[in-house]
Amino acid sequence: MESFLFKALQLILALVILVTVHEFGHYIFARMFGIKVNRFYLFFNPWFSLLKYDPRKGTLQIIGYTRENADGTEQQHAWKTIRVGNPKPATSDKPTWRDTIYGLGWLPLGGYCDIAGMVDETKSSKDLASEPQPWEFRSKAAWKRLLVMVAGVLLNFVLAIIIYAGIAFHWGDRVVPYSAMTEGLDFSKEMHDAGFRDGDRLISLDGRPFDDLSYSEPWNMIQPGARVKVLRGTDSVDIVVPESLLRTLASNNSKGIMQMRVPVVISRLMPGEGAIEAGLREGDRIVAVGSTRTPSMSEFYPALAENKGATVDMAVVRDGKAEERIPVSINENGKIGIQMLSPYDIFEIKEVKYSLLAALPRGWEIGTGQLGAYVSSLRLVFSKEGAQSVGGFGTLGSLFPEKWNWYSFWQITAFLSVILAFMNIIPIPALDGGYTLFLLVEIITRRKPSERFLEIANMIGMGFLFMLLLYANANDIFRFLLK
């Protein structure tokens, strides 16, 4: 339960950041061009709002809602209204930030920026039956409207680059080079079927050495036709990735294709447990449990589990000398009372620190690389296997670690910002990309679509997105039930 809460909190915080930045992009460009913004909301607010701030009235409503009177008029109500300033009536026809109501909804599916004079999810063509006003969206030049619509996507991508640059500046890059992984890697079943074997050491991809600092290398190495050279024992082996690998990974909803194999080297001994009683020491490397060779933790843990409750001879390498056999008692839980060295304390480390100026191009490099890899992966969605792998909020939440980790949080938030930027620019009505497409057509043909056409297109787009949302979250539920 605790891990679920941590994942949920991280997902919600990431959504707050991403949605606020996205909608602020629309808001700030609208304000730059003198367009009135009626409402700016984080999360949706059907029926009621958690918070609603009206700068003109100087009020903050807690649990605010609208009730229709008997005469058909609407009246604002709230569980509690707090005075946070003096009323400030409008002094001119030019809109300001005070003409916007700022709110927090309760349904965390996104947010919205209600721009005056624009057909969107908050207004229909009937709401725009009056004469256009100079401060409305529909009264502005097409290029200005275009910039307002792409601003959310632009700011999401800029945010991703800024986060990646911040990560580079604060943490730098600290990785174990592929060439330093002396025990090689463990691979998923799908990778085994493609020709990889546990213990393989990666040498080159399509004729070039693996880039240790590239976030995209794991994705690049599973592309159809990719040629991966590995060191298997003392032999060099070429593996040509089959076209079926990507589809199989998508069908099985695989979360990882490989992981580093780490030797079993003792860093600390627990009092009263089998290891310390047997005379094992810090720095010892356990290379066998009974007759089972344990070159890495991948073999070590199963070997302990098979011999729990027994005393077994373990082969130990100490101070680089020949192996010696030492009998060690394994408790009923399959433990011997040791903590093991991190791979960062065993292998050669490649560490790069970045100045603020150097961090910016590094952020750009990572952001564009992640965008390219994500766009490339979308072709899987149009296959049967890819459609089955589509996920909703459960899938997004599963990306975050079970315990709070700021490095992981910012990495995932940046990646989600890249995804949000690209998904919003897809030319589907009701998304920014749909509005952008219609505006580009208007600029090219010099013919503006009618509000009624935009309303119908918007309704169709909203229906499609709603069905996609249901399908994605149903996939999450189905996969959860199959566990």
Protein backbone atom coordinates (compact mmCIF):
# COMPACT_ATOMS: atom_id res chain seq x y z
CA MET A 1 0.00 0.00 0.00
CA GLU A 2 2.84 2.39 0.83
CA SER A 3 4.52 1.82 -2.54
CA PHE A 4 1.18 2.49 -4.29
CA LEU A 5 0.83 5.81 -2.45
CA PHE A 6 4.36 6.87 -3.35
CA LYS A 7 3.76 6.05 -7.01
CA ALA A 8 0.39 7.86 -6.97
CA LEU A 9 1.85 10.97 -5.30
CA GLN A 10 4.70 11.13 -7.80
CA LEU A 11 2.31 10.74 -10.73
CA ILE A 12 0.00 13.47 -9.41
CA LEU A 13 2.90 15.87 -8.80
CA ALA A 14 4.23 15.19 -12.31
CA LEU A 15 0.76 15.85 -13.80
CA VAL A 16 0.46 19.09 -11.83
CA ILE A 17 3.77 20.31 -13.28
CA LEU A 18 3.12 19.14 -16.84
CA VAL A 19 -0.48 20.33 -17.10
CA THR A 20 0.26 23.72 -15.51
CA VAL A 21 3.17 24.36 -17.87
CA HIS A 22 1.14 23.23 -20.90
CA GLU A 23 -1.86 25.42 -20.15
CA PHE A 24 0.39 28.32 -19.16
CA GLY A 25 1.83 28.18 -22.67
CA HIS A 26 -1.63 28.83 -24.14
CA TYR A 27 -2.34 31.45 -21.48
CA ILE A 28 0.83 33.50 -21.85
CA PHE A 29 0.64 33.65 -25.65
CA ALA A 30 -3.04 34.58 -25.53
CA ARG A 31 -2.23 37.39 -23.12
CA MET A 32 0.70 38.51 -25.33
CA PHE A 33 -1.74 39.02 -28.21
CA GLY A 34 -4.38 40.77 -26.09
CA ILE A 35 -6.79 37.83 -25.98
CA LYS A 36 -8.99 37.45 -22.94
CA VAL A 37 -8.72 34.19 -21.00
CA ASN A 38 -11.92 33.45 -19.09
CA ARG A 39 -10.63 30.59 -16.94
CA PHE A 40 -7.34 28.88 -16.21
CA TYR A 41 -7.82 25.48 -14.55
CA LEU A 42 -5.52 22.77 -13.29
CA PHE A 43 -7.55 19.53 -13.57
CA PHE A 44 -11.16 19.41 -14.70
CA ASN A 45 -14.05 20.64 -12.58
CA PRO A 46 -17.34 18.98 -13.56
CA TRP A 47 -20.08 20.01 -11.08
CA PHE A 48 -17.72 21.77 -8.67
CA SER A 49 -14.23 23.19 -8.14
CA LEU A 50 -11.94 22.54 -5.20
CA LEU A 51 -10.63 26.11 -5.41
CA LYS A 52 -11.73 29.10 -7.46
CA TYR A 53 -9.96 32.47 -7.32
CA ASP A 54 -11.62 35.55 -8.88
CA PRO A 55 -9.18 38.50 -8.91
CA ARG A 56 -11.89 40.96 -9.95
CA LYS A 57 -14.07 40.10 -6.96
CA GLY A 58 -11.10 39.50 -4.67
CA THR A 59 -12.52 36.16 -3.50
CA LEU A 60 -11.27 32.62 -3.09
CA GLN A 61 -13.99 29.95 -3.10
CA ILE A 62 -13.42 26.58 -1.47
CA ILE A 63 -15.65 23.87 -3.01
CA GLY A 64 -17.29 26.31 -5.40
CA TYR A 65 -20.22 25.33 -7.62
CA THR A 66 -22.89 26.89 -9.83
CA ARG A 67 -26.61 26.47 -9.15
CA GLU A 68 -29.38 27.34 -11.59
CA ASN A 69 -32.16 29.54 -10.23
CA ALA A 70 -35.86 29.10 -10.96
CA ASP A 71 -35.74 31.85 -13.61
CA GLY A 72 -32.97 30.07 -15.50
CA THR A 73 -30.16 32.32 -14.30
CA GLU A 74 -27.08 30.92 -12.64
CA GLN A 75 -25.74 31.78 -9.21
CA GLN A 76 -22.32 31.04 -7.74
CA HIS A 77 -22.16 29.17 -4.43
CA ALA A 78 -19.34 27.85 -2.27
CA TRP A 79 -18.81 25.85 0.88
CA LYS A 80 -16.62 28.71 2.07
CA THR A 81 -15.66 32.04 0.51
CA ILE A 82 -12.55 33.87 1.69
CA ARG A 83 -11.83 37.52 1.00
CA VAL A 84 -8.28 37.76 -0.40
CA GLY A 85 -8.36 41.30 -1.76
CA ASN A 86 -10.52 44.25 -2.63
CA PRO A 87 -12.87 44.16 -5.64
CA LYS A 88 -11.21 45.70 -8.70
CA PRO A 89 -13.67 46.58 -11.49
CA ALA A 90 -12.45 46.60 -15.06
CA THR A 91 -11.21 50.03 -16.17
CA SER A 92 -10.87 49.45 -19.93
CA ASP A 93 -11.82 47.11 -22.73
CA LYS A 94 -8.30 45.68 -22.77
CA PRO A 95 -8.28 42.39 -20.80
CA THR A 96 -5.73 41.83 -18.05
CA TRP A 97 -4.78 38.89 -15.84
CA ARG A 98 -7.54 39.96 -13.44
CA ASP A 99 -10.18 39.02 -16.02
CA THR A 100 -9.26 35.34 -15.63
CA ILE A 101 -10.73 33.03 -12.99
CA TYR A 102 -8.06 30.64 -11.73
CA GLY A 103 -9.17 27.29 -10.37
CA LEU A 104 -8.27 23.82 -9.20
CA GLY A 105 -10.56 21.00 -10.32
CA TRP A 106 -10.95 17.61 -8.72
CA LEU A 107 -10.65 15.33 -11.77
CA PRO A 108 -6.92 14.89 -12.59
CA LEU A 109 -7.30 14.11 -16.29
CA GLY A 110 -5.68 17.31 -17.52
CA GLY A 111 -6.57 20.96 -17.39
CA TYR A 112 -7.85 23.72 -19.62
CA CYS A 113 -7.42 27.34 -20.60
CA ASP A 114 -10.81 28.83 -21.54
CA ILE A 115 -9.89 31.35 -24.24
CA ALA A 116 -12.57 33.88 -25.17
CA GLY A 117 -13.95 33.51 -28.69
CA MET A 118 -12.65 29.99 -29.31
CA VAL A 119 -14.67 26.82 -29.87
CA ASP A 120 -13.30 24.22 -27.47
CA GLU A 121 -14.45 21.74 -24.84
CA THR A 122 -15.96 24.62 -22.82
CA LYS A 123 -17.92 26.37 -25.60
CA SER A 124 -20.02 25.58 -28.68
CA SER A 125 -20.78 27.62 -31.79
CA LYS A 126 -23.95 28.92 -30.09
CA ASP A 127 -21.82 30.58 -27.44
CA LEU A 128 -20.14 32.56 -30.22
CA ALA A 129 -23.30 33.83 -31.90
CA SER A 130 -22.58 37.44 -30.91
CA GLU A 131 -20.42 39.82 -32.91
CA PRO A 132 -16.68 39.11 -32.51
CA GLN A 133 -14.92 41.37 -30.06
CA PRO A 134 -11.38 42.69 -30.63
CA TRP A 135 -10.11 40.83 -27.53
CA GLU A 136 -11.43 37.44 -28.71
CA PHE A 137 -9.41 34.58 -30.18
CA ARG A 138 -11.49 34.49 -33.40
CA SER A 139 -10.72 38.16 -34.09
CA LYS A 140 -6.96 37.70 -34.22
CA ALA A 141 -4.81 36.98 -37.27
CA ALA A 142 -4.38 33.29 -38.12
CA TRP A 143 -0.66 33.30 -37.31
CA LYS A 144 -1.36 34.64 -33.83
CA ARG A 145 -3.99 31.98 -33.24
CA LEU A 146 -1.53 29.37 -34.50
CA LEU A 147 1.11 30.46 -31.98
CA VAL A 148 -1.44 30.36 -29.16
CA MET A 149 -2.31 26.77 -30.07
CA VAL A 150 1.24 25.42 -30.40
CA ALA A 151 2.47 27.25 -27.29
CA GLY A 152 1.41 24.46 -24.90
CA VAL A 153 3.32 21.84 -26.88
CA LEU A 154 6.32 24.15 -27.20
CA LEU A 155 6.51 24.82 -23.46
CA ASN A 156 6.20 21.10 -22.64
CA PHE A 157 9.17 20.31 -24.87
CA VAL A 158 11.14 23.25 -23.47
CA LEU A 159 10.31 22.00 -19.96
CA ALA A 160 11.70 18.56 -20.82
CA ILE A 161 14.95 20.08 -22.06
CA ILE A 162 15.22 22.29 -18.96
CA ILE A 163 14.67 19.29 -16.66
CA TYR A 164 17.23 17.17 -18.52
CA ALA A 165 19.67 20.09 -18.38
CA GLY A 166 18.99 20.47 -14.65
CA ILE A 167 19.67 16.77 -14.11
CA ALA A 168 22.93 17.06 -16.03
CA PHE A 169 23.98 20.14 -14.05
CA HIS A 170 23.03 18.74 -10.61
CA TRP A 171 23.85 15.05 -10.93
CA GLY A 172 25.92 14.86 -14.10
CA ASP A 173 26.24 11.53 -15.86
CA ARG A 174 27.50 8.60 -13.80
CA VAL A 175 27.34 5.28 -15.59
CA VAL A 176 29.08 1.93 -15.81
CA PRO A 177 30.38 1.71 -19.41
CA TYR A 178 29.18 -1.32 -21.35
CA SER A 179 32.82 -2.30 -21.88
CA ALA A 180 33.37 -2.36 -18.07
CA MET A 181 30.53 -4.80 -17.37
CA THR A 182 32.83 -7.77 -16.93
CA GLU A 183 29.99 -10.19 -16.18
CA GLY A 184 27.89 -8.96 -19.10
CA LEU A 185 24.13 -8.53 -18.91
CA ASP A 186 20.99 -10.53 -18.18
CA PHE A 187 18.35 -10.39 -20.92
CA SER A 188 14.59 -10.84 -20.98
CA LYS A 189 12.96 -13.92 -22.53
CA GLU A 190 12.11 -11.93 -25.66
CA MET A 191 15.78 -10.98 -26.04
CA HIS A 192 16.79 -14.62 -25.57
CA ASP A 193 14.45 -15.57 -28.41
CA ALA A 194 16.13 -12.89 -30.54
CA GLY A 195 19.55 -14.52 -29.99
CA PHE A 196 20.97 -12.84 -26.88
CA ARG A 197 22.30 -14.89 -23.97
CA ASP A 198 22.79 -14.02 -20.31
CA GLY A 199 26.40 -12.99 -19.79
CA ASP A 200 26.80 -11.44 -23.25
CA ARG A 201 28.92 -8.28 -23.22
CA LEU A 202 27.85 -5.54 -25.65
CA ILE A 203 30.57 -4.43 -28.05
CA SER A 204 29.06 -2.49 -30.95
CA LEU A 205 25.79 -1.50 -32.59
CA ASP A 206 25.65 -1.30 -36.39
CA GLY A 207 29.42 -1.18 -36.53
CA ARG A 208 30.01 1.56 -33.94
CA PRO A 209 30.87 1.20 -30.23
CA PHE A 210 27.94 1.54 -27.85
CA ASP A 211 27.42 5.08 -26.57
CA ASP A 212 27.51 4.76 -22.78
CA LEU A 213 25.83 8.15 -22.24
CA SER A 214 23.01 7.78 -24.76
CA TYR A 215 19.55 7.23 -23.31
CA SER A 216 18.41 5.83 -26.65
CA GLU A 217 20.87 2.95 -27.08
CA PRO A 218 18.60 0.24 -25.59
CA TRP A 219 15.84 1.36 -27.97
CA ASN A 220 18.20 1.52 -30.96
CA MET A 221 19.49 -2.00 -30.35
CA ILE A 222 16.03 -3.62 -30.65
CA GLN A 223 15.15 -2.02 -33.99
CA PRO A 224 14.45 -4.50 -36.82
CA GLY A 225 17.66 -5.31 -38.66
CA ALA A 226 19.96 -3.77 -36.03
CA ARG A 227 23.30 -5.59 -35.94
CA VAL A 228 24.61 -6.08 -32.41
CA LYS A 229 28.08 -7.48 -31.78
CA VAL A 230 28.53 -9.18 -28.39
CA LEU A 231 31.36 -10.96 -26.62
CA ARG A 232 30.17 -14.40 -25.52
CA GLY A 233 32.89 -16.01 -23.46
CA THR A 234 35.93 -15.53 -25.70
CA ASP A 235 33.94 -15.50 -28.95
CA SER A 236 32.62 -12.49 -30.84
CA VAL A 237 29.05 -13.05 -31.99
CA ASP A 238 26.92 -10.97 -34.39
CA ILE A 239 23.18 -10.82 -33.67
CA VAL A 240 20.80 -9.43 -36.29
CA VAL A 241 17.64 -8.29 -34.52
CA PRO A 242 14.52 -9.92 -36.05
CA GLU A 243 11.51 -7.82 -37.06
CA SER A 244 9.33 -9.76 -34.62
CA LEU A 245 11.21 -8.55 -31.51
CA LEU A 246 9.51 -5.17 -31.16
CA ARG A 247 6.04 -6.68 -31.64
CA THR A 248 6.78 -9.40 -29.10
CA LEU A 249 8.03 -6.89 -26.53
CA ALA A 250 4.89 -4.79 -27.04
CA SER A 251 2.59 -7.81 -26.82
CA ASN A 252 4.16 -8.95 -23.55
CA ASN A 253 4.20 -5.37 -22.17
CA SER A 254 7.85 -5.88 -21.22
CA LYS A 255 9.23 -3.23 -18.88
CA GLY A 256 12.93 -4.07 -19.36
CA ILE A 257 15.04 -5.84 -21.92
CA MET A 258 18.32 -6.19 -20.04
CA GLN A 259 20.10 -5.46 -16.80
CA MET A 260 23.71 -5.46 -15.65
CA ARG A 261 25.07 -8.61 -14.02
CA VAL A 262 26.75 -7.71 -10.72
CA PRO A 263 29.31 -9.95 -8.95
CA VAL A 264 28.60 -11.07 -5.39
CA VAL A 265 31.14 -9.03 -3.38
CA ILE A 266 30.58 -8.59 0.37
CA SER A 267 30.48 -5.03 1.66
CA ARG A 268 29.12 -5.68 5.16
CA LEU A 269 28.42 -8.65 7.46
CA MET A 270 25.40 -8.95 9.79
CA PRO A 271 26.12 -10.11 13.38
CA GLY A 272 24.83 -13.58 14.28
CA GLU A 273 24.27 -14.73 10.69
CA GLY A 274 25.89 -17.56 8.74
CA ALA A 275 28.41 -15.51 6.79
CA ILE A 276 30.15 -13.94 9.78
CA GLU A 277 30.03 -17.22 11.73
CA ALA A 278 31.75 -18.96 8.80
CA GLY A 279 34.56 -16.42 8.75
CA LEU A 280 33.67 -14.59 5.55
CA ARG A 281 35.13 -11.10 5.29
CA GLU A 282 34.32 -7.80 3.67
CA GLY A 283 35.68 -7.78 0.12
CA ASP A 284 35.22 -11.55 -0.37
CA ARG A 285 33.64 -12.56 -3.66
CA ILE A 286 31.34 -15.61 -3.63
CA VAL A 287 31.66 -17.41 -6.96
CA ALA A 288 29.82 -20.66 -6.17
CA VAL A 289 27.16 -22.01 -3.80
CA GLY A 290 27.63 -25.76 -3.59
CA SER A 291 27.97 -26.99 -7.18
CA THR A 292 26.21 -23.93 -8.64
CA ARG A 293 28.49 -21.28 -10.10
CA THR A 294 27.42 -17.76 -9.07
CA PRO A 295 29.27 -15.25 -11.29
CA SER A 296 26.54 -12.69 -10.50
CA MET A 297 23.66 -12.01 -8.16
CA SER A 298 21.31 -13.47 -10.79
CA GLU A 299 22.57 -16.96 -9.96
CA PHE A 300 23.40 -16.30 -6.30
CA TYR A 301 19.90 -15.58 -4.98
CA PRO A 302 18.25 -18.66 -6.56
CA ALA A 303 21.11 -20.83 -5.27
CA LEU A 304 20.51 -19.58 -1.71
CA ALA A 305 16.77 -20.21 -2.05
CA GLU A 306 17.41 -23.80 -3.16
CA ASN A 307 19.59 -24.45 -0.10
CA LYS A 308 17.76 -22.51 2.64
CA GLY A 309 18.07 -24.10 6.06
CA ALA A 310 21.23 -25.97 5.04
CA THR A 311 24.99 -25.55 5.42
CA VAL A 312 26.67 -25.42 2.01
CA ASP A 313 30.27 -25.10 0.86
CA MET A 314 30.74 -21.77 -0.93
CA ALA A 315 33.63 -20.97 -3.25
CA VAL A 316 35.18 -17.67 -2.18
CA VAL A 317 37.86 -15.54 -3.84
CA ARG A 318 39.79 -13.47 -1.30
CA ASP A 319 42.44 -10.85 -2.09
CA GLY A 320 42.67 -12.09 -5.68
CA LYS A 321 43.97 -15.51 -4.62
CA ALA A 322 42.70 -18.94 -5.68
CA GLU A 323 39.21 -20.04 -4.68
CA GLU A 324 38.76 -21.61 -1.27
CA ARG A 325 35.75 -23.56 -0.07
CA ILE A 326 34.08 -22.38 3.14
CA PRO A 327 30.97 -24.00 4.70
CA VAL A 328 28.26 -21.36 5.30
CA SER A 329 24.90 -21.79 7.04
CA ILE A 330 21.90 -20.46 5.09
CA ASN A 331 18.91 -19.54 7.26
CA GLU A 332 15.28 -20.52 6.65
CA ASN A 333 14.70 -17.31 4.70
CA GLY A 334 17.50 -18.08 2.25
CA LYS A 335 19.85 -15.46 3.76
CA ILE A 336 23.43 -15.59 5.03
CA GLY A 337 23.57 -12.06 6.50
CA ILE A 338 25.55 -10.00 4.01
CA GLN A 339 25.20 -6.71 2.18
CA MET A 340 26.79 -6.55 -1.25
CA LEU A 341 28.80 -3.90 -3.01
CA SER A 342 27.04 -1.65 -5.49
CA PRO A 343 28.16 -1.98 -9.12
CA TYR A 344 29.46 1.59 -8.81
CA ASP A 345 31.93 0.29 -6.20
CA ILE A 346 33.00 -2.68 -8.33
CA PHE A 347 33.22 -1.56 -11.94
CA GLU A 348 35.01 1.27 -13.67
CA ILE A 349 32.81 4.35 -13.67
CA LYS A 350 32.39 6.94 -16.40
CA GLU A 351 31.51 10.19 -14.69
CA VAL A 352 30.88 13.50 -16.45
CA LYS A 353 30.17 16.79 -14.68
CA TYR A 354 28.54 19.65 -16.56
CA SER A 355 28.74 23.39 -16.08
CA LEU A 356 25.52 25.34 -16.49
CA LEU A 357 26.42 26.25 -20.06
CA ALA A 358 27.41 22.67 -20.91
CA ALA A 359 24.24 21.29 -19.30
CA LEU A 360 21.97 23.10 -21.77
CA PRO A 361 23.21 21.32 -24.93
CA ARG A 362 23.23 18.06 -22.95
CA GLY A 363 19.57 18.67 -22.07
CA TRP A 364 18.81 19.34 -25.75
CA GLU A 365 20.66 16.19 -26.79
CA ILE A 366 18.72 13.99 -24.36
CA GLY A 367 15.36 15.66 -25.06
CA THR A 368 15.61 15.34 -28.84
CA GLY A 369 16.91 11.79 -28.51
CA GLN A 370 13.99 10.78 -26.30
CA LEU A 371 11.54 12.45 -28.68
CA GLY A 372 13.01 10.60 -31.66
CA ALA A 373 12.88 7.25 -29.86
CA TYR A 374 9.28 7.83 -28.73
CA VAL A 375 8.08 8.88 -32.19
CA SER A 376 9.78 5.81 -33.66
CA SER A 377 8.04 3.55 -31.12
CA LEU A 378 4.56 4.82 -32.04
CA ARG A 379 4.42 2.63 -35.12
CA LEU A 380 3.88 -0.27 -32.71
CA VAL A 381 0.55 1.21 -31.64
CA PHE A 382 -0.87 0.41 -35.05
CA SER A 383 -0.16 -3.32 -34.65
CA LYS A 384 -2.30 -5.78 -32.70
CA GLU A 385 0.45 -6.28 -30.14
CA GLY A 386 1.04 -2.56 -29.78
CA ALA A 387 -2.64 -1.82 -29.24
CA GLN A 388 -2.71 -4.38 -26.44
CA SER A 389 0.23 -2.65 -24.75
CA VAL A 390 -1.44 0.77 -24.57
CA GLY A 391 -1.87 1.77 -20.93
CA GLY A 392 -3.55 4.46 -18.86
CA PHE A 393 -2.86 6.01 -15.49
CA GLY A 394 -1.84 2.66 -14.00
CA THR A 395 0.89 2.29 -16.61
CA LEU A 396 2.07 5.86 -16.04
CA GLY A 397 2.14 5.34 -12.28
CA SER A 398 4.15 2.13 -12.65
CA LEU A 399 6.98 4.11 -14.25
CA PHE A 400 7.78 5.76 -10.91
CA PRO A 401 9.87 4.04 -8.20
CA GLU A 402 8.25 2.58 -5.07
CA LYS A 403 10.21 4.96 -2.86
CA TRP A 404 10.65 8.66 -3.39
CA ASN A 405 13.72 9.43 -5.47
CA TRP A 406 14.15 12.90 -6.93
CA TYR A 407 16.53 11.77 -9.65
CA SER A 408 14.07 9.16 -10.93
CA PHE A 409 11.13 11.54 -10.50
CA TRP A 410 12.68 14.23 -12.68
CA GLN A 411 13.85 11.71 -15.28
CA ILE A 412 10.34 10.30 -15.64
CA THR A 413 8.66 13.72 -15.51
CA ALA A 414 10.91 14.97 -18.33
CA PHE A 415 10.09 11.91 -20.43
CA LEU A 416 6.35 12.36 -19.79
CA SER A 417 6.72 16.00 -20.85
CA VAL A 418 8.19 14.82 -24.16
CA ILE A 419 5.28 12.40 -24.58
CA LEU A 420 2.69 15.06 -23.72
CA ALA A 421 4.24 17.50 -26.19
CA PHE A 422 4.16 15.02 -29.06
CA MET A 423 0.76 13.50 -28.28
CA ASN A 424 -0.84 16.94 -28.19
CA ILE A 425 0.50 17.93 -31.60
CA ILE A 426 -1.04 14.86 -33.30
CA PRO A 427 -3.70 16.30 -35.69
CA ILE A 428 -6.76 14.95 -33.88
CA PRO A 429 -9.66 17.39 -33.35
CA ALA A 430 -9.92 18.54 -29.71
CA LEU A 431 -6.13 18.25 -29.35
CA ASP A 432 -3.80 21.17 -30.03
CA GLY A 433 -2.70 19.37 -33.18
CA GLY A 434 -6.26 19.36 -34.53
CA TYR A 435 -6.63 23.12 -34.06
CA THR A 436 -3.17 23.61 -35.54
CA LEU A 437 -4.10 21.61 -38.64
CA PHE A 438 -7.23 23.68 -39.24
CA LEU A 439 -5.24 26.90 -38.78
CA LEU A 440 -2.58 25.77 -41.26
CA VAL A 441 -5.32 24.97 -43.78
CA GLU A 442 -6.80 28.43 -43.17
CA ILE A 443 -3.42 30.10 -43.69
CA ILE A 444 -2.83 28.18 -46.93
CA THR A 445 -6.35 28.46 -48.41
CA ARG A 446 -7.23 31.82 -46.80
CA ARG A 447 -10.59 30.32 -45.89
CA LYS A 448 -11.60 30.14 -42.25
CA PRO A 449 -13.61 27.07 -41.10
CA SER A 450 -17.00 27.89 -39.59
CA GLU A 451 -17.55 27.69 -35.84
CA ARG A 452 -20.13 24.96 -36.47
CA PHE A 453 -17.58 22.86 -38.36
CA LEU A 454 -15.05 23.31 -35.56
CA GLU A 455 -17.70 22.36 -32.99
CA ILE A 456 -18.58 19.11 -34.78
CA ALA A 457 -14.92 18.23 -35.32
CA ASN A 458 -14.23 18.97 -31.67
CA MET A 459 -17.09 16.71 -30.55
CA ILE A 460 -15.82 13.85 -32.75
CA GLY A 461 -12.28 14.32 -31.42
CA MET A 462 -13.46 14.41 -27.81
CA GLY A 463 -15.47 11.22 -28.35
CA PHE A 464 -12.45 9.46 -29.84
CA LEU A 465 -10.16 10.61 -27.02
CA PHE A 466 -12.71 9.53 -24.40
CA MET A 467 -12.93 6.06 -25.94
CA LEU A 468 -9.13 5.85 -26.11
CA LEU A 469 -8.92 6.83 -22.44
CA LEU A 470 -11.40 4.11 -21.49
CA TYR A 471 -9.56 1.53 -23.60
CA ALA A 472 -6.13 2.41 -22.16
CA ASN A 473 -7.31 2.22 -18.55
CA ALA A 474 -9.29 -0.96 -19.25
CA ASN A 475 -6.01 -2.49 -20.46
CA ASP A 476 -4.43 -1.56 -17.13
CA ILE A 477 -7.29 -3.19 -15.21
CA PHE A 478 -7.12 -6.31 -17.38
CA ARG A 479 -3.36 -6.68 -16.86
CA PHE A 480 -3.78 -6.13 -13.10
CA LEU A 481 -6.39 -8.90 -12.89
CA LEU A 482 -4.11 -11.30 -14.79
CA LYS A 483 -1.30 -10.90 -12.21
